Amino acid sequence: MRIFLLLAVSIFFQTAHADSNQYTVNSGDILDISVWNEEALQKEVRVLPDGSISFPLAGSISVAGKSISQIQAILKERLAEFIADPVVNISVKSAEGNSIYVIGQVKKPGQFVMYQPMDVMQMLSLAGGLTAFAKANDIVILRRNGDKSESIAFKYGEVEDGDKLENNHLLRSGDVIVVP
């Protein structure tokens, strides 16, 4: 009995941890959605700037910030009114909405799509590194949290030296790194 309890607790925590690490959909992502045995319900959709998609019979659905399994559940519920026990399959065809922007004194400023979790130093590396004119210890990360924006200071010199590695922040979709 004790082993069974330990196994159940272990599975619960693994499942909870896996759910927290699931990719959440962003505006700009492209989803490939199909309903098994329903040829008319196979569609590639781009998540609109307001975070929604439109799907036949289901209407408009807010998907930004939701995992694929959450979106499948919503679609299945809405389609169940028209189709007996629908089997919904969704895959992320393109994660274009998972973008970071780097501007200022870097060698290759621009928009970068994150295909994996990335921190500030990794993103600056993708941008070709700092130019000779960059003010390395005045870098700022601009981040939106709902309707509010915040500014996060980043001192390149501290992280470069291996000090204060906790300041090498993980980036979120939509972050803007400003290198003066």
Protein backbone atom coordinates (compact mmCIF):
# COMPACT_ATOMS: atom_id res chain seq x y z
CA MET A 1 0.00 0.00 0.00
CA ARG A 2 2.81 2.36 0.92
CA ILE A 3 4.57 1.78 -2.42
CA PHE A 4 1.32 2.42 -4.28
CA LEU A 5 0.87 5.71 -2.41
CA LEU A 6 4.43 6.81 -3.19
CA LEU A 7 3.95 5.89 -6.85
CA ALA A 8 0.67 7.85 -7.02
CA VAL A 9 2.26 10.93 -5.44
CA SER A 10 5.24 10.68 -7.82
CA ILE A 11 2.96 10.47 -10.87
CA PHE A 12 0.92 13.43 -9.61
CA PHE A 13 3.97 15.66 -9.24
CA GLN A 14 5.41 14.58 -12.60
CA THR A 15 2.10 15.37 -14.29
CA ALA A 16 1.80 18.74 -12.53
CA HIS A 17 5.38 19.59 -13.49
CA ALA A 18 4.81 18.54 -17.11
CA ASP A 19 1.66 20.68 -17.33
CA SER A 20 3.54 23.74 -16.07
CA ASN A 21 6.16 23.27 -18.79
CA GLN A 22 3.71 23.01 -21.68
CA TYR A 23 4.04 25.55 -24.47
CA THR A 24 1.40 28.24 -24.32
CA VAL A 25 0.11 29.69 -27.56
CA ASN A 26 0.92 33.30 -28.50
CA SER A 27 -0.55 35.77 -30.97
CA GLY A 28 1.09 35.14 -34.35
CA ASP A 29 1.50 31.37 -33.87
CA ILE A 30 0.16 29.10 -36.60
CA LEU A 31 -1.88 26.10 -35.47
CA ASP A 32 -2.80 23.07 -37.55
CA ILE A 33 -6.22 21.85 -36.36
CA SER A 34 -8.10 18.79 -37.55
CA VAL A 35 -11.07 16.79 -36.40
CA TRP A 36 -10.81 13.06 -37.05
CA ASN A 37 -13.07 11.77 -39.81
CA GLU A 38 -14.26 15.31 -40.69
CA GLU A 39 -12.47 16.53 -43.83
CA ALA A 40 -14.26 19.89 -43.73
CA LEU A 41 -12.81 20.52 -40.27
CA GLN A 42 -9.11 20.55 -41.15
CA LYS A 43 -7.69 24.02 -41.00
CA GLU A 44 -4.47 25.94 -40.53
CA VAL A 45 -5.10 29.05 -38.45
CA ARG A 46 -2.96 31.97 -37.32
CA VAL A 47 -3.62 33.29 -33.83
CA LEU A 48 -4.83 36.86 -34.28
CA PRO A 49 -3.33 39.87 -32.46
CA ASP A 50 -6.19 39.75 -29.94
CA GLY A 51 -5.21 36.16 -29.08
CA SER A 52 -8.16 34.46 -30.77
CA ILE A 53 -8.79 32.02 -33.59
CA SER A 54 -11.91 31.25 -35.56
CA PHE A 55 -12.82 27.64 -36.33
CA PRO A 56 -15.84 26.26 -38.23
CA LEU A 57 -18.79 25.34 -35.99
CA ALA A 58 -16.87 26.48 -32.88
CA GLY A 59 -16.73 30.20 -33.67
CA SER A 60 -14.19 32.54 -32.12
CA ILE A 61 -12.03 31.12 -29.34
CA SER A 62 -9.52 32.96 -27.14
CA VAL A 63 -6.38 30.79 -27.22
CA ALA A 64 -3.42 33.04 -26.30
CA GLY A 65 -1.81 31.87 -23.07
CA LYS A 66 -3.46 28.45 -23.26
CA SER A 67 -1.76 25.09 -23.80
CA ILE A 68 -2.61 22.84 -26.74
CA SER A 69 -4.49 20.44 -24.44
CA GLN A 70 -6.60 23.32 -23.08
CA ILE A 71 -7.48 24.45 -26.61
CA GLN A 72 -8.34 20.86 -27.60
CA ALA A 73 -10.73 20.61 -24.65
CA ILE A 74 -12.48 23.87 -25.61
CA LEU A 75 -12.83 22.82 -29.25
CA LYS A 76 -14.06 19.36 -28.30
CA GLU A 77 -16.71 20.87 -26.02
CA ARG A 78 -17.94 23.31 -28.68
CA LEU A 79 -17.91 20.76 -31.50
CA ALA A 80 -19.76 18.17 -29.39
CA GLU A 81 -22.98 20.10 -30.11
CA PHE A 82 -22.63 19.13 -33.79
CA ILE A 83 -20.44 15.99 -33.84
CA ALA A 84 -20.73 12.93 -31.61
CA ASP A 85 -17.54 12.57 -29.52
CA PRO A 86 -15.20 14.67 -31.73
CA VAL A 87 -11.50 13.80 -31.73
CA VAL A 88 -9.57 17.07 -32.06
CA ASN A 89 -5.90 17.16 -33.02
CA ILE A 90 -3.86 20.36 -32.75
CA SER A 91 -0.21 20.97 -33.48
CA VAL A 92 1.85 24.14 -33.49
CA LYS A 93 2.98 24.50 -37.08
CA SER A 94 4.95 27.67 -36.38
CA ALA A 95 5.80 29.41 -33.12
CA GLU A 96 6.22 32.80 -34.81
CA GLY A 97 4.34 34.50 -31.98
CA ASN A 98 7.04 33.48 -29.50
CA SER A 99 9.26 36.41 -30.45
CA ILE A 100 11.76 38.64 -28.69
CA TYR A 101 12.98 41.97 -30.04
CA VAL A 102 16.52 43.30 -29.65
CA ILE A 103 17.22 46.92 -30.52
CA GLY A 104 20.10 49.34 -30.14
CA GLN A 105 23.82 48.72 -30.03
CA VAL A 106 23.98 45.07 -31.12
CA LYS A 107 25.45 43.77 -34.35
CA LYS A 108 22.17 42.28 -35.68
CA PRO A 109 19.13 44.01 -34.14
CA GLY A 110 15.71 42.61 -34.94
CA GLN A 111 13.01 40.11 -34.13
CA PHE A 112 14.04 36.63 -32.98
CA VAL A 113 11.74 33.64 -32.60
CA MET A 114 12.38 31.55 -29.48
CA TYR A 115 12.10 27.84 -30.17
CA GLN A 116 13.28 27.02 -26.66
CA PRO A 117 13.48 28.90 -23.34
CA MET A 118 16.17 31.56 -23.61
CA ASP A 119 17.81 34.05 -21.28
CA VAL A 120 19.19 37.53 -21.98
CA MET A 121 22.78 36.42 -22.69
CA GLN A 122 21.59 33.80 -25.19
CA MET A 123 19.43 36.35 -26.99
CA LEU A 124 22.24 38.91 -27.12
CA SER A 125 24.39 36.18 -28.63
CA LEU A 126 21.78 35.58 -31.35
CA ALA A 127 21.84 39.33 -32.03
CA GLY A 128 25.58 39.07 -32.76
CA GLY A 129 26.75 40.49 -29.45
CA LEU A 130 27.24 44.08 -28.37
CA THR A 131 28.90 46.74 -30.52
CA ALA A 132 31.91 48.68 -29.29
CA PHE A 133 29.61 51.62 -28.51
CA ALA A 134 27.13 49.72 -26.34
CA LYS A 135 26.56 50.79 -22.76
CA ALA A 136 26.75 47.22 -21.49
CA ASN A 137 25.60 47.92 -17.95
CA ASP A 138 22.57 50.03 -18.94
CA ILE A 139 20.68 47.32 -20.86
CA VAL A 140 16.94 47.22 -20.19
CA ILE A 141 14.32 44.53 -20.79
CA LEU A 142 10.86 45.96 -21.49
CA ARG A 143 8.10 43.53 -20.56
CA ARG A 144 4.32 43.71 -20.65
CA ASN A 145 2.26 42.13 -17.91
CA GLY A 146 -1.33 42.50 -19.02
CA ASP A 147 -2.06 46.23 -19.29
CA LYS A 148 1.09 47.26 -17.44
CA SER A 149 4.67 47.48 -18.65
CA GLU A 150 7.79 47.04 -16.59
CA SER A 151 11.44 47.81 -17.12
CA ILE A 152 14.01 45.28 -15.91
CA ALA A 153 17.62 46.42 -15.59
CA PHE A 154 20.33 44.11 -16.90
CA LYS A 155 24.02 44.67 -16.19
CA TYR A 156 25.93 42.71 -18.81
CA GLY A 157 29.25 43.06 -16.96
CA GLU A 158 27.99 41.30 -13.83
CA VAL A 159 26.65 38.30 -15.70
CA GLU A 160 29.61 38.20 -18.11
CA ASP A 161 31.96 37.82 -15.14
CA GLY A 162 29.88 34.96 -13.74
CA ASP A 163 28.54 37.07 -10.88
CA LYS A 164 24.84 37.57 -10.19
CA LEU A 165 23.73 34.89 -12.65
CA GLU A 166 20.24 35.18 -11.19
CA ASN A 167 19.99 38.48 -13.14
CA ASN A 168 20.31 36.60 -16.46
CA HIS A 169 16.52 36.62 -16.78
CA LEU A 170 14.53 34.08 -18.76
CA LEU A 171 12.78 35.92 -21.53
CA ARG A 172 9.07 35.87 -22.30
CA SER A 173 7.33 36.27 -25.60
CA GLY A 174 7.08 39.94 -26.51
CA ASP A 175 10.06 41.10 -24.43
CA VAL A 176 12.15 43.91 -25.91
CA ILE A 177 15.85 44.12 -25.05
CA VAL A 178 17.14 47.69 -25.39
CA VAL A 179 20.92 48.07 -25.64
CA PRO A 180 21.79 51.80 -25.46
